[in-house]
Amino acid sequence: YISMSEIVSEGASEAQDDLRQIMDQVDRAISKVQSQTSPTTTTTDASSLPTTANGLYSGSSSSSSNNVRNVVGSSSSLKTHAEEGGNSEKKSAVETTETSLKGPSDGLIPTAEVSVSPVVEVKKTDAEVIQFLHDQEIKKQREKLARLQLKGQEIEKEHKFWNTQPVLGIKDSVSEDVNGPINSSVTVADVKPEPYNMPTGFAWCSLDVTDPNQILEMYNLLNENYVEDDDCMFRFDYSIPFLQWALSPPGFIRDWHVGVRNVKNNALMGCITAVPVHVRVHDKTERMAEINFLCVHKKLRTKRLAPVLIKEITRRVNLLDIWQAVYTAGVVLPKPVAKCRYHHRNLNPKKLVEVKFTSLPPKMTMANLIKSLKLPATPSQKSLRVMGPEDVVGVHLLLKEYLEAKTKLCQVFSVEEVAHIFLPRHSVVNSYVIADGNGVVTDFCSFYHLPSTVIGNKTHSKLHAVYCYYNVAKSVSFAELMKDLLVAARNEGADVVNALDVMENESVFKELQFGQGDGFLQYYVYNWKCAAMEPSAVGLVLL
């Protein structure tokens, strides 16, 4: 279990190190330019000045080849604006500097695109330009440090919406022997029979994910308005086949795919979804709803639609006599049952540096970085093969035994669910097995595809990321199985493998050169009270 004090302390320390590096490097650059400044034009080599995502001079933010940033942080089913329904589009001063830099009113520093080329022309006022960039970058790093510190303070803030819901308060403590519903007295007769009122001009709808037009609408809404990273450089790009796969498991309920439409033009302006699952928490298994894809169009973030969407999906789930739900969020809400962290394994170093997903470590060339992260051409386990329909029963049994023995929070899969979820689908999910001489499945590994749109990069438009899913090793070591998973992902065209520190994953991060990301993912169980658990006890991966 990662305490908030540890999170803030570690994040703040990294941000402070970045700030010191930036100040040192830019100060040296200023001194160099000042010593060379004269009435005539001179030149200086810009290669000694690393750059940030917006082209500003900065220090390297990484001390190793794998200290990488988090892309979007997580498969968050709830984004920051979902918590209060407020305006999440406030822009910091940092965002304004990403496209242009304005100097003082005397016109010495004109508005300009900031870019780095091998040779930069230096004129008499360049020292003032670099000083301005120096100040802006320090401001950016200080704001980053402040955000990290605020993450620790979020546990103390008032949660107007969540304080009205049957969830534990942030300060509530639960003993190890407590495990059950918070509110068990409510019945279906108590549930509001009609939908919640919508603001004028908007109406509820149920989305049919099997209809090509409606799933395209949902794809476009998510593609343009869903989760982004803090610096607005990457945005999740769920494919249409992925959405159909995720939202149509055995027994899915169309009424649980909730949309909000503009009455005038029928445009889809928001959505929230749920699918039925059986989830075990410690020693109790309950029918629950798995909540995902809460999204409100950017233009409507001030309408407080998110809390209404959450209440409406809750109402629809309750009407079927289901009172618990499981969901994840990148923000801290009342109250996580577990806090997990993302780690990343770089498979395409050159591209990841070019899109600013990670940075080239000091004193290391690109050639050396590529060499240090090189993987074998083929998996080492020759018996590793693609999962087929004949393996479904064996994979189901393997997962059942593993999750029961090793985890405290997990989905209880049916055979039909295993077939739907894990049988390979091109660019959606990949699964592999090892079977013994009798055909018994002894090992299993899998990942799902979730690319991100690269925002504002002239060279690359897509970051091909895959996420570790469920992995069980019996006949080989877990490290051997996971290394072969990396090879398979690379051969499928992945640029990076992302993994949470759930189940046994953390045990191989160092050996397999995963870098710790700066994204966290909190797990929540609605209307349930139980003791918190460590990430390794979590056996549930939400999409």
Protein backbone atom coordinates (compact mmCIF):
# COMPACT_ATOMS: atom_id res chain seq x y z
CA TYR A 1 0.00 0.00 0.00
CA ILE A 2 1.58 3.28 -1.13
CA SER A 3 0.97 6.08 1.35
CA MET A 4 0.24 9.56 0.06
CA SER A 5 3.21 10.91 2.00
CA GLU A 6 5.50 8.54 0.10
CA ILE A 7 3.92 9.54 -3.21
CA VAL A 8 4.30 13.25 -2.56
CA SER A 9 7.78 12.91 -1.12
CA GLU A 10 9.04 10.88 -4.07
CA GLY A 11 7.33 13.03 -6.70
CA ALA A 12 8.45 16.25 -5.07
CA SER A 13 12.02 15.01 -4.85
CA GLU A 14 12.03 14.18 -8.58
CA ALA A 15 10.56 17.57 -9.48
CA GLN A 16 13.11 19.35 -7.30
CA ASP A 17 15.93 17.44 -8.98
CA ASP A 18 14.54 18.44 -12.38
CA LEU A 19 14.39 22.06 -11.26
CA ARG A 20 17.99 22.05 -10.05
CA GLN A 21 19.21 20.48 -13.30
CA ILE A 22 17.31 23.03 -15.36
CA MET A 23 18.67 25.97 -13.38
CA ASP A 24 22.24 24.69 -13.60
CA GLN A 25 22.14 23.98 -17.34
CA VAL A 26 20.40 27.19 -18.35
CA ASP A 27 22.66 29.27 -16.08
CA ARG A 28 25.64 27.77 -17.88
CA ALA A 29 24.02 28.59 -21.22
CA ILE A 30 23.40 32.18 -20.17
CA SER A 31 26.99 32.58 -19.02
CA LYS A 32 28.24 31.14 -22.29
CA VAL A 33 26.09 33.46 -24.38
CA GLN A 34 26.95 36.49 -22.26
CA SER A 35 30.67 35.80 -22.66
CA GLN A 36 30.20 35.56 -26.42
CA THR A 37 27.81 38.49 -26.82
CA SER A 38 29.10 41.36 -28.96
CA PRO A 39 27.61 43.92 -31.38
CA THR A 40 28.27 41.42 -34.17
CA THR A 41 26.32 38.24 -34.74
CA THR A 42 27.82 35.00 -33.40
CA THR A 43 26.63 31.38 -33.17
CA THR A 44 26.37 28.75 -30.46
CA ASP A 45 25.74 25.02 -30.57
CA ALA A 46 22.28 24.21 -29.24
CA SER A 47 22.95 20.49 -28.86
CA SER A 48 24.19 21.05 -25.33
CA LEU A 49 20.75 22.28 -24.29
CA PRO A 50 18.16 19.47 -23.88
CA THR A 51 14.60 20.41 -24.74
CA THR A 52 11.21 19.91 -23.19
CA ALA A 53 8.01 18.98 -25.00
CA ASN A 54 7.37 22.57 -25.98
CA GLY A 55 10.88 23.20 -27.26
CA LEU A 56 12.11 25.13 -24.25
CA TYR A 57 15.60 24.56 -22.95
CA SER A 58 15.54 22.31 -19.94
CA GLY A 59 17.47 19.77 -17.97
CA SER A 60 16.99 16.09 -18.53
CA SER A 61 14.07 14.78 -16.50
CA SER A 62 15.48 11.29 -16.33
CA SER A 63 18.45 9.74 -14.60
CA SER A 64 18.08 6.39 -16.32
CA SER A 65 16.96 5.06 -19.65
CA ASN A 66 13.64 3.95 -18.23
CA ASN A 67 12.60 6.83 -16.01
CA VAL A 68 9.66 7.63 -18.23
CA ARG A 69 6.58 9.77 -17.97
CA ASN A 70 3.12 8.32 -17.68
CA VAL A 71 0.96 8.42 -20.78
CA VAL A 72 -2.40 9.59 -19.57
CA GLY A 73 -1.71 7.94 -16.27
CA SER A 74 -4.22 5.16 -16.40
CA SER A 75 -7.34 3.69 -17.86
CA SER A 76 -9.24 6.08 -15.66
CA SER A 77 -12.95 5.46 -15.60
CA LEU A 78 -13.33 8.73 -13.72
CA LYS A 79 -11.43 11.90 -14.62
CA THR A 80 -10.88 14.91 -12.38
CA HIS A 81 -13.95 16.73 -13.65
CA ALA A 82 -16.09 13.71 -12.80
CA GLU A 83 -15.51 14.28 -9.11
CA GLU A 84 -17.16 17.68 -8.86
CA GLY A 85 -18.67 18.14 -12.30
CA GLY A 86 -16.85 21.44 -12.46
CA ASN A 87 -14.77 23.10 -15.14
CA SER A 88 -11.64 21.06 -15.78
CA GLU A 89 -10.48 23.25 -18.64
CA LYS A 90 -8.66 25.89 -16.58
CA LYS A 91 -5.34 26.54 -18.22
CA SER A 92 -2.15 27.22 -16.35
CA ALA A 93 0.49 29.68 -17.39
CA VAL A 94 2.51 26.73 -18.56
CA GLU A 95 -0.02 25.82 -21.24
CA THR A 96 0.16 29.29 -22.73
CA THR A 97 3.88 28.95 -23.25
CA GLU A 98 3.55 25.72 -25.24
CA THR A 99 2.81 27.50 -28.50
CA SER A 100 4.25 30.98 -28.11
CA LEU A 101 6.33 33.10 -25.80
CA LYS A 102 5.59 36.76 -25.35
CA GLY A 103 8.23 39.12 -24.11
CA PRO A 104 7.95 42.50 -22.38
CA SER A 105 5.91 45.26 -23.94
CA ASP A 106 9.00 47.07 -25.21
CA GLY A 107 9.18 44.51 -28.01
CA LEU A 108 12.69 43.24 -27.27
CA ILE A 109 11.35 39.67 -27.22
CA PRO A 110 8.77 39.13 -29.97
CA THR A 111 6.11 36.42 -29.94
CA ALA A 112 7.69 33.38 -31.59
CA GLU A 113 7.52 29.65 -32.04
CA VAL A 114 10.30 28.15 -29.94
CA SER A 115 12.17 25.34 -31.67
CA VAL A 116 15.61 23.84 -31.43
CA SER A 117 17.84 23.28 -34.44
CA PRO A 118 21.46 22.15 -34.54
CA VAL A 119 22.75 25.72 -34.82
CA VAL A 120 21.01 28.71 -33.28
CA GLU A 121 21.80 32.26 -34.35
CA VAL A 122 22.82 34.37 -31.36
CA LYS A 123 22.30 38.11 -31.43
CA LYS A 124 22.89 40.82 -28.90
CA THR A 125 19.59 40.24 -27.08
CA ASP A 126 19.87 36.43 -26.88
CA ALA A 127 20.96 36.54 -23.26
CA GLU A 128 17.65 38.21 -22.44
CA VAL A 129 15.76 35.60 -24.49
CA ILE A 130 17.45 32.73 -22.69
CA GLN A 131 16.83 34.40 -19.33
CA PHE A 132 13.15 34.61 -20.20
CA LEU A 133 13.08 30.92 -21.20
CA HIS A 134 14.96 30.11 -18.01
CA ASP A 135 12.29 31.86 -15.92
CA GLN A 136 9.44 30.20 -17.81
CA GLU A 137 10.89 26.71 -17.43
CA ILE A 138 11.53 27.19 -13.72
CA LYS A 139 7.94 28.38 -13.37
CA LYS A 140 6.74 25.26 -15.17
CA GLN A 141 8.74 22.97 -12.91
CA ARG A 142 7.53 24.77 -9.80
CA GLU A 143 3.95 24.34 -10.93
CA LYS A 144 4.63 20.64 -11.53
CA LEU A 145 6.03 20.37 -8.02
CA ALA A 146 2.97 22.16 -6.65
CA ARG A 147 0.67 19.72 -8.47
CA LEU A 148 2.51 16.77 -6.98
CA GLN A 149 2.15 18.26 -3.53
CA LEU A 150 -1.55 18.86 -4.15
CA LYS A 151 -1.99 15.17 -4.95
CA GLY A 152 -1.18 14.51 -1.32
CA GLN A 153 -3.54 17.23 -0.15
CA GLU A 154 -6.48 15.93 -2.20
CA ILE A 155 -7.23 13.51 0.59
CA GLU A 156 -8.20 16.46 2.78
CA LYS A 157 -10.37 18.35 0.28
CA GLU A 158 -14.14 18.43 0.31
CA HIS A 159 -15.79 16.05 -2.15
CA LYS A 160 -19.25 17.55 -2.56
CA PHE A 161 -20.63 14.77 -4.72
CA TRP A 162 -18.90 11.74 -3.24
CA ASN A 163 -19.78 12.78 0.30
CA THR A 164 -23.42 12.11 -0.64
CA GLN A 165 -22.67 8.55 -1.80
CA PRO A 166 -22.32 5.26 0.14
CA VAL A 167 -18.51 5.26 0.11
CA LEU A 168 -15.97 5.43 2.90
CA GLY A 169 -14.64 8.85 3.82
CA ILE A 170 -10.96 9.52 3.25
CA LYS A 171 -10.26 9.54 6.99
CA ASP A 172 -12.37 6.47 7.77
CA SER A 173 -10.40 3.50 9.05
CA VAL A 174 -11.59 -0.08 8.68
CA SER A 175 -10.36 -3.10 10.61
CA GLU A 176 -9.21 -6.24 8.83
CA ASP A 177 -12.28 -8.22 9.85
CA VAL A 178 -14.75 -5.79 8.24
CA ASN A 179 -15.84 -6.68 4.70
CA GLY A 180 -19.33 -5.92 3.42
CA PRO A 181 -21.86 -3.37 2.12
CA ILE A 182 -22.05 0.12 3.59
CA ASN A 183 -25.79 0.40 2.95
CA SER A 184 -27.61 -2.94 2.78
CA SER A 185 -31.12 -1.77 3.67
CA VAL A 186 -32.10 -0.24 0.33
CA THR A 187 -34.33 -2.24 -2.05
CA VAL A 188 -35.39 -1.95 -5.69
CA ALA A 189 -38.66 -0.40 -4.48
CA ASP A 190 -36.62 2.53 -3.14
CA VAL A 191 -35.00 3.26 -6.51
CA LYS A 192 -36.16 6.24 -8.54
CA PRO A 193 -38.18 4.71 -11.45
CA GLU A 194 -37.61 7.53 -13.97
CA PRO A 195 -34.31 8.98 -15.21
CA TYR A 196 -32.76 12.00 -13.53
CA ASN A 197 -33.59 15.39 -15.00
CA MET A 198 -31.18 16.77 -17.57
CA PRO A 199 -30.29 20.42 -18.20
CA THR A 200 -32.48 22.08 -20.82
CA GLY A 201 -31.48 21.08 -24.33
CA PHE A 202 -30.13 17.63 -23.44
CA ALA A 203 -31.70 14.16 -23.31
CA TRP A 204 -30.77 10.65 -22.20
CA CYS A 205 -30.22 7.78 -24.62
CA SER A 206 -29.03 4.18 -24.52
CA LEU A 207 -26.19 3.41 -26.91
CA ASP A 208 -26.20 0.33 -29.11
CA VAL A 209 -22.53 -0.64 -29.43
CA THR A 210 -23.40 -3.15 -32.16
CA ASP A 211 -24.69 -0.35 -34.40
CA PRO A 212 -21.86 1.02 -36.61
CA ASN A 213 -23.14 4.59 -36.50
CA GLN A 214 -23.61 4.73 -32.74
CA ILE A 215 -20.27 3.14 -31.90
CA LEU A 216 -18.61 5.62 -34.28
CA GLU A 217 -20.27 8.46 -32.38
CA MET A 218 -18.93 7.09 -29.11
CA TYR A 219 -15.47 6.64 -30.60
CA ASN A 220 -15.38 10.26 -31.80
CA LEU A 221 -16.56 11.56 -28.41
CA LEU A 222 -13.85 9.64 -26.55
CA ASN A 223 -11.16 10.34 -29.13
CA GLU A 224 -11.67 14.09 -28.84
CA ASN A 225 -12.62 14.51 -25.18
CA TYR A 226 -11.38 11.60 -23.05
CA VAL A 227 -8.38 11.21 -20.77
CA GLU A 228 -5.21 13.21 -21.50
CA ASP A 229 -1.92 13.44 -19.65
CA ASP A 230 -1.20 16.49 -17.47
CA ASP A 231 0.78 18.23 -20.22
CA CYS A 232 -1.86 17.61 -22.94
CA MET A 233 0.62 15.69 -25.10
CA PHE A 234 -1.17 12.31 -25.29
CA ARG A 235 -4.82 11.25 -25.40
CA PHE A 236 -6.24 7.72 -25.26
CA ASP A 237 -7.41 6.45 -28.65
CA TYR A 238 -9.72 3.50 -28.01
CA SER A 239 -10.43 1.80 -31.34
CA ILE A 240 -13.96 0.88 -32.41
CA PRO A 241 -13.23 -2.89 -32.24
CA PHE A 242 -11.78 -2.34 -28.76
CA LEU A 243 -14.90 -0.50 -27.56
CA GLN A 244 -17.18 -3.21 -28.94
CA TRP A 245 -15.07 -5.90 -27.27
CA ALA A 246 -14.98 -4.10 -23.92
CA LEU A 247 -18.69 -3.25 -23.83
CA SER A 248 -20.27 -6.49 -25.06
CA PRO A 249 -19.15 -9.30 -22.70
CA PRO A 250 -21.53 -12.19 -22.05
CA GLY A 251 -24.73 -10.88 -20.48
CA PHE A 252 -24.05 -7.20 -21.24
CA ILE A 253 -26.99 -4.84 -20.80
CA ARG A 254 -27.61 -2.20 -23.46
CA ASP A 255 -29.42 0.05 -20.98
CA TRP A 256 -26.13 0.35 -19.07
CA HIS A 257 -24.46 2.11 -22.02
CA VAL A 258 -25.72 5.57 -21.19
CA GLY A 259 -25.44 8.57 -23.48
CA VAL A 260 -26.41 12.24 -23.40
CA ARG A 261 -27.52 13.92 -26.64
CA ASN A 262 -28.01 17.49 -27.73
CA VAL A 263 -31.72 17.82 -28.45
CA LYS A 264 -31.20 20.26 -31.34
CA ASN A 265 -28.75 18.26 -33.46
CA ASN A 266 -28.82 14.84 -31.76
CA ALA A 267 -25.03 14.98 -31.23
CA LEU A 268 -23.60 12.70 -28.56
CA MET A 269 -22.23 14.98 -25.82
CA GLY A 270 -21.47 12.59 -22.97
CA CYS A 271 -21.47 8.95 -21.91
CA ILE A 272 -20.88 6.50 -19.09
CA THR A 273 -20.94 2.70 -19.32
CA ALA A 274 -21.23 -0.37 -17.13
CA VAL A 275 -20.94 -4.09 -17.73
CA PRO A 276 -22.00 -6.87 -15.31
CA VAL A 277 -19.24 -8.72 -13.45
CA HIS A 278 -18.79 -10.97 -10.45
CA VAL A 279 -16.10 -9.58 -8.18
CA ARG A 280 -14.51 -11.09 -5.07
CA VAL A 281 -13.41 -8.70 -2.34
CA HIS A 282 -11.36 -10.56 0.26
CA ASP A 283 -13.60 -13.57 0.98
CA LYS A 284 -16.93 -12.37 -0.46
CA THR A 285 -18.13 -12.50 -4.06
CA GLU A 286 -20.85 -10.13 -5.29
CA ARG A 287 -22.61 -9.24 -8.52
CA MET A 288 -21.34 -5.81 -9.45
CA ALA A 289 -21.17 -3.30 -12.27
CA GLU A 290 -17.81 -2.41 -13.77
CA ILE A 291 -17.96 1.32 -14.55
CA ASN A 292 -15.95 2.86 -17.38
CA PHE A 293 -15.81 5.51 -20.11
CA LEU A 294 -17.21 8.45 -18.16
CA CYS A 295 -16.76 11.28 -20.64
CA VAL A 296 -18.30 14.73 -21.05
CA HIS A 297 -17.67 16.93 -24.08
CA LYS A 298 -15.17 19.66 -23.31
CA LYS A 299 -17.71 22.37 -24.10
CA LEU A 300 -20.05 21.07 -21.40
CA ARG A 301 -17.65 20.70 -18.48
CA THR A 302 -19.37 23.63 -16.70
CA LYS A 303 -22.81 21.99 -16.88
CA ARG A 304 -22.10 19.57 -14.01
CA LEU A 305 -23.13 16.62 -16.15
CA ALA A 306 -20.64 14.15 -14.69
CA PRO A 307 -22.36 13.74 -11.27
CA VAL A 308 -25.71 13.33 -13.05
CA LEU A 309 -24.22 10.65 -15.33
CA ILE A 310 -22.88 8.78 -12.30
CA LYS A 311 -26.23 8.96 -10.51
CA GLU A 312 -28.10 7.79 -13.62
CA ILE A 313 -25.88 4.74 -14.20
CA THR A 314 -26.21 3.94 -10.49
CA ARG A 315 -30.00 4.13 -10.78
CA ARG A 316 -30.08 1.81 -13.78
CA VAL A 317 -27.79 -0.71 -12.07
CA ASN A 318 -29.82 -0.59 -8.83
CA LEU A 319 -33.03 -1.33 -10.76
CA LEU A 320 -31.58 -4.80 -11.40
CA ASP A 321 -30.96 -5.32 -7.68
CA ILE A 322 -27.20 -4.77 -7.97
CA TRP A 323 -25.75 -2.45 -5.31
CA GLN A 324 -21.98 -2.55 -5.74
CA ALA A 325 -19.68 -1.32 -8.48
CA VAL A 326 -15.96 -1.39 -9.18
CA TYR A 327 -14.10 1.42 -10.91
CA THR A 328 -10.71 3.10 -11.13
CA ALA A 329 -9.54 6.71 -11.24
CA GLY A 330 -6.27 8.55 -11.61
CA VAL A 331 -7.36 10.96 -8.89
CA VAL A 332 -7.88 10.30 -5.18
CA LEU A 333 -11.56 10.10 -4.28
CA PRO A 334 -13.28 8.73 -1.14
CA LYS A 335 -11.92 6.07 -0.62
CA PRO A 336 -9.49 3.83 -2.53
CA VAL A 337 -9.31 0.16 -1.67
CA ALA A 338 -5.87 0.09 -3.33
CA LYS A 339 -3.42 2.53 -4.88
CA CYS A 340 -1.32 1.25 -7.76
CA ARG A 341 1.39 2.77 -9.94
CA TYR A 342 2.21 2.53 -13.62
CA HIS A 343 5.55 1.31 -14.95
CA HIS A 344 6.70 1.37 -18.56
CA ARG A 345 9.00 -0.79 -20.66
CA ASN A 346 10.48 1.11 -23.60
CA LEU A 347 10.39 -0.94 -26.83
CA ASN A 348 11.04 1.85 -29.35
CA PRO A 349 13.52 4.26 -27.72
CA LYS A 350 14.01 6.61 -30.65
CA LYS A 351 10.29 7.23 -31.12
CA LEU A 352 9.60 7.58 -27.41
CA VAL A 353 12.29 10.24 -27.11
CA GLU A 354 11.00 12.04 -30.19
CA VAL A 355 7.46 12.27 -28.81
CA LYS A 356 8.78 13.30 -25.36
CA PHE A 357 7.36 10.22 -23.67
CA THR A 358 10.81 9.79 -22.17
CA SER A 359 14.16 11.56 -22.50
CA LEU A 360 17.65 10.55 -23.49
CA PRO A 361 19.63 10.03 -20.28
CA PRO A 362 22.66 12.25 -19.66
CA LYS A 363 25.91 11.04 -21.23
CA MET A 364 24.12 8.37 -23.26
CA THR A 365 23.80 8.30 -27.03
CA MET A 366 20.70 7.09 -28.81
CA ALA A 367 22.65 4.11 -30.15
CA ASN A 368 23.65 3.09 -26.62
CA LEU A 369 20.08 3.49 -25.35
CA ILE A 370 18.73 1.30 -28.14
CA LYS A 371 21.39 -1.31 -27.46
CA SER A 372 20.69 -1.37 -23.71
CA LEU A 373 16.99 -2.04 -24.30
CA LYS A 374 17.33 -4.58 -27.11
CA LEU A 375 15.24 -7.75 -26.88
CA PRO A 376 15.64 -11.13 -28.61
CA ALA A 377 14.06 -11.54 -32.03
CA THR A 378 11.81 -14.39 -30.87
CA PRO A 379 10.46 -15.67 -27.53
CA SER A 380 12.80 -17.94 -25.59
CA GLN A 381 10.04 -20.43 -24.78
CA LYS A 382 9.57 -22.37 -27.99
CA SER A 383 6.35 -23.91 -26.65
CA LEU A 384 4.73 -20.48 -26.21
CA ARG A 385 1.91 -20.17 -28.74
CA VAL A 386 -1.16 -18.07 -29.49
CA MET A 387 -4.18 -19.01 -27.38
CA GLY A 388 -6.91 -20.86 -29.29
CA PRO A 389 -10.51 -21.92 -28.55
CA GLU A 390 -9.22 -25.29 -27.34
CA ASP A 391 -7.39 -23.51 -24.52
CA VAL A 392 -10.37 -21.65 -23.02
CA VAL A 393 -11.23 -24.22 -20.35
CA GLY A 394 -7.58 -24.61 -19.37
CA VAL A 395 -7.01 -20.85 -19.13
CA HIS A 396 -10.18 -20.51 -17.06
CA LEU A 397 -8.97 -23.11 -14.58
CA LEU A 398 -5.47 -21.62 -14.41
CA LEU A 399 -6.80 -18.11 -13.75
CA LYS A 400 -9.32 -19.35 -11.19
CA GLU A 401 -6.69 -21.18 -9.16
CA TYR A 402 -4.19 -18.32 -9.35
CA LEU A 403 -6.59 -15.49 -8.46
CA GLU A 404 -8.12 -17.42 -5.58
CA ALA A 405 -4.72 -18.18 -4.09
CA LYS A 406 -2.88 -14.91 -4.69
CA THR A 407 -5.33 -11.98 -4.68
CA LYS A 408 -7.89 -10.19 -2.51
CA LEU A 409 -9.69 -8.23 -5.24
CA CYS A 410 -10.45 -9.98 -8.53
CA GLN A 411 -13.07 -10.78 -11.14
CA VAL A 412 -14.55 -14.26 -10.90
CA PHE A 413 -14.57 -15.29 -14.56
CA SER A 414 -16.97 -17.70 -16.20
CA VAL A 415 -15.78 -19.92 -19.05
CA GLU A 416 -17.81 -17.79 -21.47
CA GLU A 417 -16.16 -14.61 -20.17
CA VAL A 418 -12.69 -16.10 -20.59
CA ALA A 419 -13.51 -16.93 -24.21
CA HIS A 420 -14.81 -13.43 -24.95
CA ILE A 421 -12.10 -11.54 -23.09
CA PHE A 422 -8.94 -13.47 -23.90
CA LEU A 423 -9.29 -15.12 -27.30
CA PRO A 424 -7.03 -12.98 -29.53
CA ARG A 425 -8.48 -10.13 -31.58
CA HIS A 426 -6.29 -8.18 -33.99
CA SER A 427 -5.07 -4.90 -32.46
CA VAL A 428 -7.35 -5.45 -29.46
CA VAL A 429 -6.04 -8.27 -27.27
CA ASN A 430 -3.24 -10.83 -27.54
CA SER A 431 -3.05 -13.98 -25.43
CA TYR A 432 -0.46 -16.76 -25.33
CA VAL A 433 -0.25 -20.12 -23.58
CA ILE A 434 2.19 -22.89 -22.79
CA ALA A 435 0.70 -26.38 -22.50
CA ASP A 436 2.27 -29.63 -21.32
CA GLY A 437 2.39 -32.89 -23.25
CA ASN A 438 -1.20 -33.67 -22.26
CA GLY A 439 -2.52 -30.34 -23.50
CA VAL A 440 -2.98 -28.91 -20.00
CA VAL A 441 -2.38 -25.14 -19.94
CA THR A 442 0.43 -24.41 -17.49
CA ASP A 443 1.28 -20.80 -18.33
CA PHE A 444 -0.66 -17.85 -19.68
CA CYS A 445 0.15 -14.25 -20.59
CA SER A 446 -1.79 -11.46 -22.28
CA PHE A 447 -1.86 -7.78 -23.14
CA TYR A 448 -4.39 -5.41 -24.67
CA HIS A 449 -3.82 -2.61 -27.18
CA LEU A 450 -4.56 0.98 -26.20
CA PRO A 451 -2.76 3.50 -28.41
CA SER A 452 -2.65 7.21 -27.68
CA THR A 453 -2.93 10.13 -30.05
CA VAL A 454 0.26 12.21 -29.97
CA ILE A 455 -0.85 15.83 -29.81
CA GLY A 456 1.10 18.48 -31.69
CA ASN A 457 4.01 16.34 -32.89
CA LYS A 458 4.96 16.82 -36.56
CA THR A 459 6.72 13.45 -36.87
CA HIS A 460 4.44 11.03 -35.03
CA SER A 461 0.65 10.98 -34.67
CA LYS A 462 0.21 7.75 -32.72
CA LEU A 463 1.92 6.11 -29.74
CA HIS A 464 1.33 2.35 -29.92
CA ALA A 465 1.04 1.22 -26.31
CA VAL A 466 0.00 -2.16 -24.95
CA TYR A 467 -0.96 -2.91 -21.36
CA CYS A 468 -0.14 -5.99 -19.33
CA TYR A 469 -3.35 -7.87 -18.66
CA TYR A 470 -3.39 -11.23 -16.84
CA ASN A 471 -0.27 -13.39 -16.56
CA VAL A 472 0.28 -16.70 -14.75
CA ALA A 473 3.50 -18.73 -14.77
CA LYS A 474 3.83 -22.31 -13.50
CA SER A 475 6.25 -24.26 -15.72
CA VAL A 476 8.63 -21.33 -16.32
CA SER A 477 9.68 -18.41 -14.15
CA PHE A 478 7.50 -15.31 -14.14
CA ALA A 479 10.43 -13.26 -15.44
CA GLU A 480 10.93 -15.62 -18.39
CA LEU A 481 7.24 -15.49 -19.25
CA MET A 482 7.12 -11.70 -19.04
CA LYS A 483 10.25 -11.29 -21.15
CA ASP A 484 8.62 -13.36 -23.87
CA LEU A 485 5.54 -11.16 -23.51
CA LEU A 486 7.73 -8.10 -24.20
CA VAL A 487 9.13 -9.79 -27.31
CA ALA A 488 5.62 -10.64 -28.53
CA ALA A 489 4.46 -7.06 -27.92
CA ARG A 490 7.44 -5.65 -29.80
CA ASN A 491 6.76 -8.01 -32.70
CA GLU A 492 3.15 -6.77 -32.74
CA GLY A 493 4.38 -3.22 -33.32
CA ALA A 494 4.14 -1.85 -29.78
CA ASP A 495 6.28 1.15 -28.83
CA VAL A 496 5.90 0.65 -25.08
CA VAL A 497 4.48 -1.86 -22.62
CA ASN A 498 2.64 -0.34 -19.65
CA ALA A 499 2.02 -2.31 -16.48
CA LEU A 500 0.56 -1.67 -13.06
CA ASP A 501 2.30 -3.03 -9.98
CA VAL A 502 -0.58 -5.48 -9.43
CA MET A 503 -0.31 -9.22 -8.85
CA GLU A 504 3.32 -10.33 -9.42
CA ASN A 505 4.24 -7.62 -11.91
CA GLU A 506 6.46 -5.58 -9.62
CA SER A 507 8.78 -8.54 -9.03
CA VAL A 508 10.14 -8.31 -12.60
CA PHE A 509 10.19 -4.56 -13.20
CA LYS A 510 13.86 -4.10 -12.36
CA GLU A 511 15.13 -7.20 -14.17
CA LEU A 512 13.16 -6.43 -17.33
CA GLN A 513 14.04 -2.70 -17.31
CA PHE A 514 10.62 -1.23 -16.64
CA GLY A 515 10.81 2.41 -15.62
CA GLN A 516 8.62 3.85 -12.90
CA GLY A 517 6.01 6.23 -14.27
CA ASP A 518 4.45 9.24 -12.59
CA GLY A 519 0.88 7.98 -12.98
CA PHE A 520 -1.15 6.35 -10.22
CA LEU A 521 -4.36 4.39 -10.46
CA GLN A 522 -6.74 4.09 -7.52
CA TYR A 523 -9.19 1.17 -7.22
CA TYR A 524 -12.64 1.73 -5.72
CA VAL A 525 -15.57 -0.46 -4.72
CA TYR A 526 -18.86 1.45 -4.49
CA ASN A 527 -21.06 0.81 -1.42
CA TRP A 528 -18.47 -1.43 0.19
CA LYS A 529 -16.30 -1.18 3.28
CA CYS A 530 -13.17 -3.21 3.77
CA ALA A 531 -9.54 -2.84 4.74
CA ALA A 532 -7.23 -1.43 2.09
CA MET A 533 -4.82 -3.77 0.34
CA GLU A 534 -1.40 -3.64 -1.26
CA PRO A 535 -1.11 -3.46 -5.08
CA SER A 536 0.18 -7.03 -5.24
CA ALA A 537 -3.14 -8.22 -3.75
CA VAL A 538 -5.10 -6.66 -6.61
CA GLY A 539 -6.00 -9.24 -9.26
CA LEU A 540 -8.27 -7.02 -11.32
CA VAL A 541 -7.28 -5.10 -14.47
CA LEU A 542 -9.89 -2.70 -15.83
CA LEU A 543 -9.74 -1.47 -19.41
